């Protein structure tokens, strides 16, 4: 059924038998052009935009506890 959906132009989260006996993977598969013989695969959903993380160095510096020696 997954093959029929991919051939029709859909992106599917398919169950694929992976390298050895009993191992399965679940990548997203699709074809860019219906006439292509190979599938394109992705481990994340290709229809969603990728979110870019921006780390702030200032926030990391504020979270560090500064030791001021032994308290009496």
N, C-alpha and C. Protein backbone atom coordinates (compact mmCIF):
# COMPACT_ATOMS: atom_id res chain seq x y z
N UNK A 1 0.82 -1.18 0.00
CA UNK A 1 0.00 0.00 0.00
C UNK A 1 0.87 1.26 0.00
N UNK A 2 2.00 1.22 0.74
CA UNK A 2 2.91 2.36 0.75
C UNK A 2 3.46 2.63 -0.65
N UNK A 3 3.79 1.59 -1.36
CA UNK A 3 4.34 1.74 -2.71
C UNK A 3 3.33 2.41 -3.63
N UNK A 4 2.06 2.05 -3.51
CA UNK A 4 1.03 2.65 -4.34
C UNK A 4 0.89 4.15 -4.05
N UNK A 5 0.98 4.53 -2.78
CA UNK A 5 0.88 5.94 -2.40
C UNK A 5 2.07 6.73 -2.93
N UNK A 6 3.27 6.15 -2.83
CA UNK A 6 4.47 6.84 -3.31
C UNK A 6 4.40 7.01 -4.82
N UNK A 7 3.95 5.99 -5.53
CA UNK A 7 3.83 6.07 -6.98
C UNK A 7 2.79 7.12 -7.39
N UNK A 8 1.79 7.35 -6.54
CA UNK A 8 0.76 8.35 -6.83
C UNK A 8 1.22 9.76 -6.52
N UNK A 9 2.40 9.93 -5.87
CA UNK A 9 2.95 11.26 -5.61
C UNK A 9 2.83 11.73 -4.19
N UNK A 10 2.46 10.85 -3.26
CA UNK A 10 2.34 11.23 -1.87
C UNK A 10 3.65 11.00 -1.12
N UNK A 11 3.78 11.65 0.05
CA UNK A 11 4.89 11.41 0.96
C UNK A 11 4.35 10.47 2.04
N UNK A 12 5.01 9.34 2.26
CA UNK A 12 4.51 8.37 3.23
C UNK A 12 5.56 8.04 4.28
N UNK A 13 5.10 7.71 5.45
CA UNK A 13 5.95 7.23 6.55
C UNK A 13 5.90 5.71 6.45
N UNK A 14 6.81 5.15 5.68
CA UNK A 14 6.73 3.74 5.29
C UNK A 14 7.53 2.84 6.23
N UNK A 15 7.12 1.60 6.30
CA UNK A 15 7.86 0.58 7.05
C UNK A 15 8.74 -0.15 6.04
N UNK A 16 10.06 -0.10 6.27
CA UNK A 16 11.02 -0.65 5.32
C UNK A 16 11.87 -1.69 6.02
N UNK A 17 12.06 -2.83 5.38
CA UNK A 17 12.95 -3.84 5.94
C UNK A 17 14.39 -3.36 5.76
N UNK A 18 15.12 -3.30 6.85
CA UNK A 18 16.47 -2.73 6.86
C UNK A 18 17.48 -3.84 6.89
N UNK A 19 18.66 -3.62 6.60
CA UNK A 19 19.80 -4.47 6.30
C UNK A 19 19.77 -5.94 6.72
N UNK A 20 19.28 -6.30 7.85
CA UNK A 20 19.34 -7.70 8.25
C UNK A 20 17.96 -8.23 8.63
N UNK A 21 17.89 -9.48 8.95
CA UNK A 21 16.64 -10.15 9.27
C UNK A 21 16.00 -9.54 10.51
N UNK A 22 14.76 -9.17 10.42
CA UNK A 22 14.01 -8.73 11.58
C UNK A 22 14.14 -7.26 11.92
N UNK A 23 14.96 -6.51 11.21
CA UNK A 23 15.10 -5.09 11.51
C UNK A 23 14.27 -4.27 10.55
N UNK A 24 13.51 -3.33 11.09
CA UNK A 24 12.68 -2.46 10.26
C UNK A 24 12.99 -1.01 10.59
N UNK A 25 12.85 -0.14 9.61
CA UNK A 25 13.01 1.29 9.79
C UNK A 25 11.74 1.97 9.28
N UNK A 26 11.52 3.20 9.71
CA UNK A 26 10.32 3.93 9.32
C UNK A 26 10.68 5.32 8.78
N UNK A 27 11.36 5.39 7.63
CA UNK A 27 11.67 6.71 7.05
C UNK A 27 10.50 7.25 6.24
N UNK A 28 10.55 8.53 5.92
CA UNK A 28 9.60 9.12 4.99
C UNK A 28 10.12 8.88 3.58
N UNK A 29 9.28 8.38 2.70
CA UNK A 29 9.67 8.10 1.32
C UNK A 29 8.76 8.84 0.35
N UNK A 30 9.35 9.30 -0.77
CA UNK A 30 8.60 9.94 -1.83
C UNK A 30 9.42 9.94 -3.09
N UNK A 31 8.77 10.29 -4.19
CA UNK A 31 9.46 10.44 -5.47
C UNK A 31 9.27 11.87 -5.94
N UNK A 32 10.37 12.51 -6.37
CA UNK A 32 10.29 13.88 -6.87
C UNK A 32 9.54 13.89 -8.20
N UNK A 33 9.85 12.95 -9.06
CA UNK A 33 9.16 12.79 -10.35
C UNK A 33 8.62 11.37 -10.42
N UNK A 34 7.40 11.18 -10.87
CA UNK A 34 6.85 9.83 -10.96
C UNK A 34 7.64 8.89 -11.87
N UNK A 35 8.40 9.45 -12.80
CA UNK A 35 9.17 8.60 -13.71
C UNK A 35 10.50 8.14 -13.11
N UNK A 36 10.90 8.69 -11.96
CA UNK A 36 12.16 8.27 -11.32
C UNK A 36 12.06 6.84 -10.84
N UNK A 37 13.20 6.13 -10.86
CA UNK A 37 13.19 4.75 -10.38
C UNK A 37 13.56 4.66 -8.90
N UNK A 38 14.23 5.68 -8.37
CA UNK A 38 14.67 5.64 -6.97
C UNK A 38 13.79 6.52 -6.10
N UNK A 39 13.67 6.10 -4.83
CA UNK A 39 12.92 6.85 -3.85
C UNK A 39 13.84 7.84 -3.15
N UNK A 40 13.29 8.95 -2.70
CA UNK A 40 14.02 9.86 -1.83
C UNK A 40 13.57 9.57 -0.41
N UNK A 41 14.50 9.64 0.54
CA UNK A 41 14.14 9.32 1.91
C UNK A 41 14.61 10.41 2.84
N UNK A 42 13.91 10.53 3.96
CA UNK A 42 14.24 11.49 4.99
C UNK A 42 13.78 10.93 6.33
N UNK A 43 14.56 11.18 7.39
CA UNK A 43 14.19 10.69 8.71
C UNK A 43 13.24 11.65 9.41
N UNK A 44 13.23 12.89 8.99
CA UNK A 44 12.27 13.86 9.51
C UNK A 44 11.22 14.13 8.45
N UNK A 45 10.12 14.74 8.84
CA UNK A 45 9.04 15.01 7.89
C UNK A 45 9.48 16.10 6.92
N UNK A 46 9.61 15.81 5.62
CA UNK A 46 10.08 16.81 4.66
C UNK A 46 9.07 17.91 4.37
N UNK A 47 7.83 17.73 4.77
CA UNK A 47 6.80 18.73 4.52
C UNK A 47 6.84 19.87 5.53
N UNK A 48 7.46 19.63 6.69
CA UNK A 48 7.55 20.65 7.73
C UNK A 48 8.83 21.45 7.57
N UNK A 49 8.76 22.72 7.93
CA UNK A 49 9.95 23.56 7.87
C UNK A 49 10.88 23.20 9.02
N UNK A 50 12.19 23.24 8.74
CA UNK A 50 13.16 22.96 9.77
C UNK A 50 13.37 24.22 10.61
N UNK A 51 13.34 24.04 11.93
CA UNK A 51 13.52 25.15 12.84
C UNK A 51 15.00 25.25 13.19
N UNK A 52 15.54 26.44 13.03
CA UNK A 52 16.95 26.65 13.33
C UNK A 52 17.08 27.14 14.76
N UNK A 53 17.90 26.43 15.56
CA UNK A 53 18.12 26.82 16.94
C UNK A 53 19.23 27.86 17.00
N UNK A 54 18.99 28.91 17.78
CA UNK A 54 20.00 29.93 17.98
C UNK A 54 20.35 29.93 19.47
N UNK A 55 21.59 29.61 19.75
CA UNK A 55 22.03 29.59 21.14
C UNK A 55 22.57 30.96 21.49
N UNK A 56 22.21 31.43 22.65
CA UNK A 56 22.68 32.72 23.11
C UNK A 56 23.77 32.50 24.15
N UNK A 57 24.92 33.04 23.89
CA UNK A 57 26.04 32.90 24.81
C UNK A 57 25.76 33.66 26.11
N UNK A 58 25.03 34.75 26.05
CA UNK A 58 24.76 35.54 27.23
C UNK A 58 23.90 34.77 28.22
N UNK A 59 22.91 34.05 27.72
CA UNK A 59 22.05 33.27 28.60
C UNK A 59 22.83 32.17 29.30
N UNK A 60 23.77 31.56 28.61
CA UNK A 60 24.58 30.52 29.22
C UNK A 60 25.46 31.09 30.32
N UNK A 61 26.00 32.29 30.11
CA UNK A 61 26.86 32.91 31.11
C UNK A 61 26.08 33.29 32.35
N UNK A 62 24.82 33.70 32.23
CA UNK A 62 24.01 34.08 33.38
C UNK A 62 23.63 32.88 34.24
N UNK A 63 23.52 31.71 33.63
CA UNK A 63 23.08 30.52 34.35
C UNK A 63 24.19 29.87 35.15
N UNK A 64 25.45 30.22 34.90
CA UNK A 64 26.56 29.62 35.63
C UNK A 64 26.67 30.24 37.01
N UNK A 65 26.85 29.41 38.02
CA UNK A 65 26.99 29.89 39.38
C UNK A 65 28.47 30.20 39.63
N UNK A 66 28.74 31.39 40.13
CA UNK A 66 30.10 31.80 40.38
C UNK A 66 30.42 31.53 41.85
N UNK A 67 31.50 30.81 42.07
CA UNK A 67 31.94 30.51 43.44
C UNK A 67 32.76 31.69 43.97
N UNK A 68 32.41 32.15 45.15
CA UNK A 68 33.13 33.28 45.76
C UNK A 68 33.88 32.84 47.02
N UNK A 69 34.24 31.60 47.06
CA UNK A 69 35.00 31.10 48.21
C UNK A 69 34.11 30.56 49.30
N UNK A 70 34.74 30.17 50.41
CA UNK A 70 34.03 29.57 51.53
C UNK A 70 33.32 30.62 52.36
N UNK A 71 32.08 30.37 52.72
CA UNK A 71 31.30 31.29 53.54
C UNK A 71 31.55 30.99 55.02
N UNK A 72 31.63 32.01 55.83
CA UNK A 72 31.88 31.81 57.25
C UNK A 72 30.68 32.11 58.06
